[in-house]
C-alpha atoms as a PDB file:
ATOM      1  CA  MET A   1     -18.067   7.557  26.152  1.00  0.00           C
ATOM      2  CA  LEU A   2     -15.964   8.729  22.811  1.00  0.00           C
ATOM      3  CA  MET A   3     -13.786  11.157  25.059  1.00  0.00           C
ATOM      4  CA  ALA A   4     -12.763   8.408  26.843  1.00  0.00           C
ATOM      5  CA  ARG A   5     -12.083   6.000  24.191  1.00  0.00           C
ATOM      6  CA  LEU A   6     -10.114   8.743  22.361  1.00  0.00           C
ATOM      7  CA  GLN A   7      -8.078   8.858  25.436  1.00  0.00           C
ATOM      8  CA  VAL A   8      -7.465   5.555  25.641  1.00  0.00           C
ATOM      9  CA  ASN A   9      -6.232   5.184  22.055  1.00  0.00           C
ATOM     10  CA  ARG A  10      -3.902   8.330  22.604  1.00  0.00           C
ATOM     11  CA  ASP A  11      -2.368   6.112  25.737  1.00  0.00           C
ATOM     12  CA  SER A  12      -1.836   3.401  23.673  1.00  0.00           C
ATOM     13  CA  ALA A  13      -0.259   5.338  20.932  1.00  0.00           C
ATOM     14  CA  GLU A  14       2.386   6.925  23.070  1.00  0.00           C
ATOM     15  CA  GLU A  15       3.567   3.442  23.653  1.00  0.00           C
ATOM     16  CA  TRP A  16       4.277   2.977  19.941  1.00  0.00           C
ATOM     17  CA  ASP A  17       7.920   2.256  19.070  1.00  0.00           C
ATOM     18  CA  SER A  18       7.308   4.348  15.602  1.00  0.00           C
ATOM     19  CA  LEU A  19       5.197   6.738  14.446  1.00  0.00           C
ATOM     20  CA  ILE A  20       3.212   4.424  12.624  1.00  0.00           C
ATOM     21  CA  CYS A  21       0.271   2.413  14.417  1.00  0.00           C
ATOM     22  CA  PRO A  22       1.845  -1.666  14.821  1.00  0.00           C
ATOM     23  CA  ARG A  23      -1.102  -2.803  12.805  1.00  0.00           C
ATOM     24  CA  ILE A  24      -0.491  -0.875  10.007  1.00  0.00           C
ATOM     25  CA  MET A  25       3.198  -1.537  10.053  1.00  0.00           C
ATOM     26  CA  GLU A  26       2.465  -5.235   9.742  1.00  0.00           C
ATOM     27  CA  THR A  27       0.522  -5.052   6.625  1.00  0.00           C
ATOM     28  CA  LEU A  28       2.921  -2.522   5.123  1.00  0.00           C
ATOM     29  CA  LYS A  29       5.782  -5.192   5.836  1.00  0.00           C
ATOM     30  CA  LYS A  30       3.569  -7.863   4.541  1.00  0.00           C
ATOM     31  CA  ASN A  31       2.554  -6.033   1.387  1.00  0.00           C
ATOM     32  CA  MET A  32       6.601  -5.265   0.947  1.00  0.00           C
ATOM     33  CA  LYS A  33       7.352  -8.700   1.446  1.00  0.00           C
ATOM     34  CA  GLN A  34       4.902  -9.713  -1.270  1.00  0.00           C
ATOM     35  CA  ALA A  35       6.026  -7.037  -3.495  1.00  0.00           C
ATOM     36  CA  ALA A  36       9.213  -8.778  -4.119  1.00  0.00           C
ATOM     37  CA  GLU A  37       7.813 -11.324  -5.987  1.00  0.00           C
ATOM     38  CA  CYS A  38       6.459  -8.821  -8.566  1.00  0.00           C
ATOM     39  CA  ILE A  39       8.066  -7.787 -12.191  1.00  0.00           C
ATOM     40  CA  PRO A  40       7.185  -4.098 -12.952  1.00  0.00           C
ATOM     41  CA  MET A  41       7.450  -3.083 -16.873  1.00  0.00           C
ATOM     42  CA  LYS A  42       6.991   0.818 -17.324  1.00  0.00           C
ATOM     43  CA  SER A  43       5.252   1.615 -20.458  1.00  0.00           C
ATOM     44  CA  ASP A  44       5.744   5.448 -19.838  1.00  0.00           C
ATOM     45  CA  ASP A  45       5.991   8.005 -17.182  1.00  0.00           C
ATOM     46  CA  TRP A  46       2.408   7.125 -15.688  1.00  0.00           C
ATOM     47  CA  HIS A  47       1.797   3.407 -16.704  1.00  0.00           C
ATOM     48  CA  PHE A  48       3.105   0.217 -15.544  1.00  0.00           C
ATOM     49  CA  GLN A  49       2.413  -3.482 -16.018  1.00  0.00           C
ATOM     50  CA  ILE A  50       2.951  -5.408 -13.092  1.00  0.00           C
ATOM     51  CA  MET A  51       3.403  -9.262 -13.165  1.00  0.00           C
ATOM     52  CA  ASP A  52       3.394 -11.587 -10.459  1.00  0.00           C
ATOM     53  CA  PRO A  53       3.544 -15.155  -9.966  1.00  0.00           C
ATOM     54  CA  HIS A  54      -0.339 -15.610 -10.272  1.00  0.00           C
ATOM     55  CA  ASP A  55      -1.839 -12.504 -12.537  1.00  0.00           C
ATOM     56  CA  GLN A  56      -0.919  -9.154 -13.910  1.00  0.00           C
ATOM     57  CA  HIS A  57      -2.060  -5.790 -13.730  1.00  0.00           C
ATOM     58  CA  THR A  58      -1.975  -2.449 -15.326  1.00  0.00           C
ATOM     59  CA  VAL A  59      -1.569   0.564 -13.192  1.00  0.00           C
ATOM     60  CA  ASP A  60      -1.906   4.330 -13.959  1.00  0.00           C
ATOM     61  CA  ILE A  61      -0.192   6.362 -11.467  1.00  0.00           C
ATOM     62  CA  SER A  62      -1.637   9.776 -12.800  1.00  0.00           C
ATOM     63  CA  GLN A  63      -5.273   8.574 -12.510  1.00  0.00           C
ATOM     64  CA  LYS A  64      -4.385   6.441  -9.151  1.00  0.00           C
ATOM     65  CA  SER A  65      -6.126   3.418 -10.864  1.00  0.00           C
ATOM     66  CA  CYS A  66      -5.380  -0.236 -11.402  1.00  0.00           C
ATOM     67  CA  SER A  67      -6.703  -3.189 -13.374  1.00  0.00           C
ATOM     68  CA  CYS A  68      -7.391  -4.881  -9.869  1.00  0.00           C
ATOM     69  CA  ARG A  69      -9.705  -1.797  -9.202  1.00  0.00           C
ATOM     70  CA  ARG A  70      -8.634  -1.380  -5.221  1.00  0.00           C
ATOM     71  CA  TRP A  71      -7.481   2.105  -5.723  1.00  0.00           C
ATOM     72  CA  ASP A  72     -11.190   2.726  -7.059  1.00  0.00           C
ATOM     73  CA  LEU A  73     -12.252   1.730  -3.589  1.00  0.00           C
ATOM     74  CA  THR A  74      -9.288   3.809  -1.707  1.00  0.00           C
ATOM     75  CA  VAL A  75      -5.969   4.869  -2.046  1.00  0.00           C
ATOM     76  CA  LEU A  76      -5.012   3.808   1.025  1.00  0.00           C
ATOM     77  CA  ARG A  77      -5.587   0.147   0.361  1.00  0.00           C
ATOM     78  CA  LEU A  78      -2.345  -0.550  -1.492  1.00  0.00           C
ATOM     79  CA  THR A  79      -1.927  -3.835  -2.718  1.00  0.00           C
ATOM     80  CA  ARG A  80       1.791  -5.680  -3.304  1.00  0.00           C
ATOM     81  CA  GLU A  81       1.992  -4.558  -6.985  1.00  0.00           C
ATOM     82  CA  HIS A  82       1.142  -1.000  -5.789  1.00  0.00           C
ATOM     83  CA  MET A  83       3.865  -0.761  -2.951  1.00  0.00           C
ATOM     84  CA  HIS A  84       6.520  -2.402  -5.856  1.00  0.00           C
ATOM     85  CA  ILE A  85       5.703   0.564  -8.161  1.00  0.00           C
ATOM     86  CA  LEU A  86       5.710   3.358  -5.088  1.00  0.00           C
ATOM     87  CA  SER A  87       9.132   1.610  -3.768  1.00  0.00           C
ATOM     88  CA  LEU A  88      10.707   2.357  -7.625  1.00  0.00           C
ATOM     89  CA  GLY A  89      10.276   6.255  -7.136  1.00  0.00           C
ATOM     90  CA  SER A  90       9.703   7.723 -10.367  1.00  0.00           C
END
């Protein structure tokens, strides 16, 4: 069963237009669109304050933490605020 499922997933991945899964790409696009509404303010090299239309958060890049606590769950679940900081570079 497992080997058959892995093969089905490999076959479907060969049909992708990009290297990233289409579902993940849609999530990234949605987050990037929402990140356009955010205003980052740099405190120092590692700390940012992110203001969006509804809330504000403090992000510590060195500790990979955010006041919204989503990075505490997983680094892969980037919110629109995190996407905006990462799009700034350093």
